[in-house]
């Protein structure tokens, strides 16, 4: 069994209209959300072995602000191909993860992350699945259990949604 964590970056700032999209930082609400997410990750003992992160400033800042919740064993890989990736492209990227990696967190963007979740999830609590299909807000974290031990065998509709949380639900 492999675990896949899909984390949409926290809320970004639009205060400087001159910034290119990849250069937008986190907004104050995003910084609050990452603090709440870090507490949640610690409480739930979520420890991905590998974090695949988009190179956009807001995704890197999201990682930096939650990284204290992870042990020293986490590996960060900032991957240019994750910026703007579709759900299908994300599946292909995950299929290239080494089989020795037991858990992966992808920190990225919509619509790709939501599309990936919808593609992979075939089982789970129906209301949670509907929430993922309806909206995947900034700072949302979906936890998927992958039923085989091979990332290369990742298939659509085979994962179980075992968790879905949004920052406003965290105390």
Foldseek 3Di string as FASTA:
>chain_A
DAKEKEAEFFAWDCPDVPDDQLATARDPRRLVLLLLVLVVCLVVVPEFQEEEEENRRRRVVSCVSNVVSYDPRHYYDHDPCQAVDALVRVLVVQLPPDLVGRYYYYYHHPPRSLRVLQFAAQAEDVVVNVPSNVDQDHGKMWMWDAPDSHSNPRGGNRIYTPDIDHSVVGD
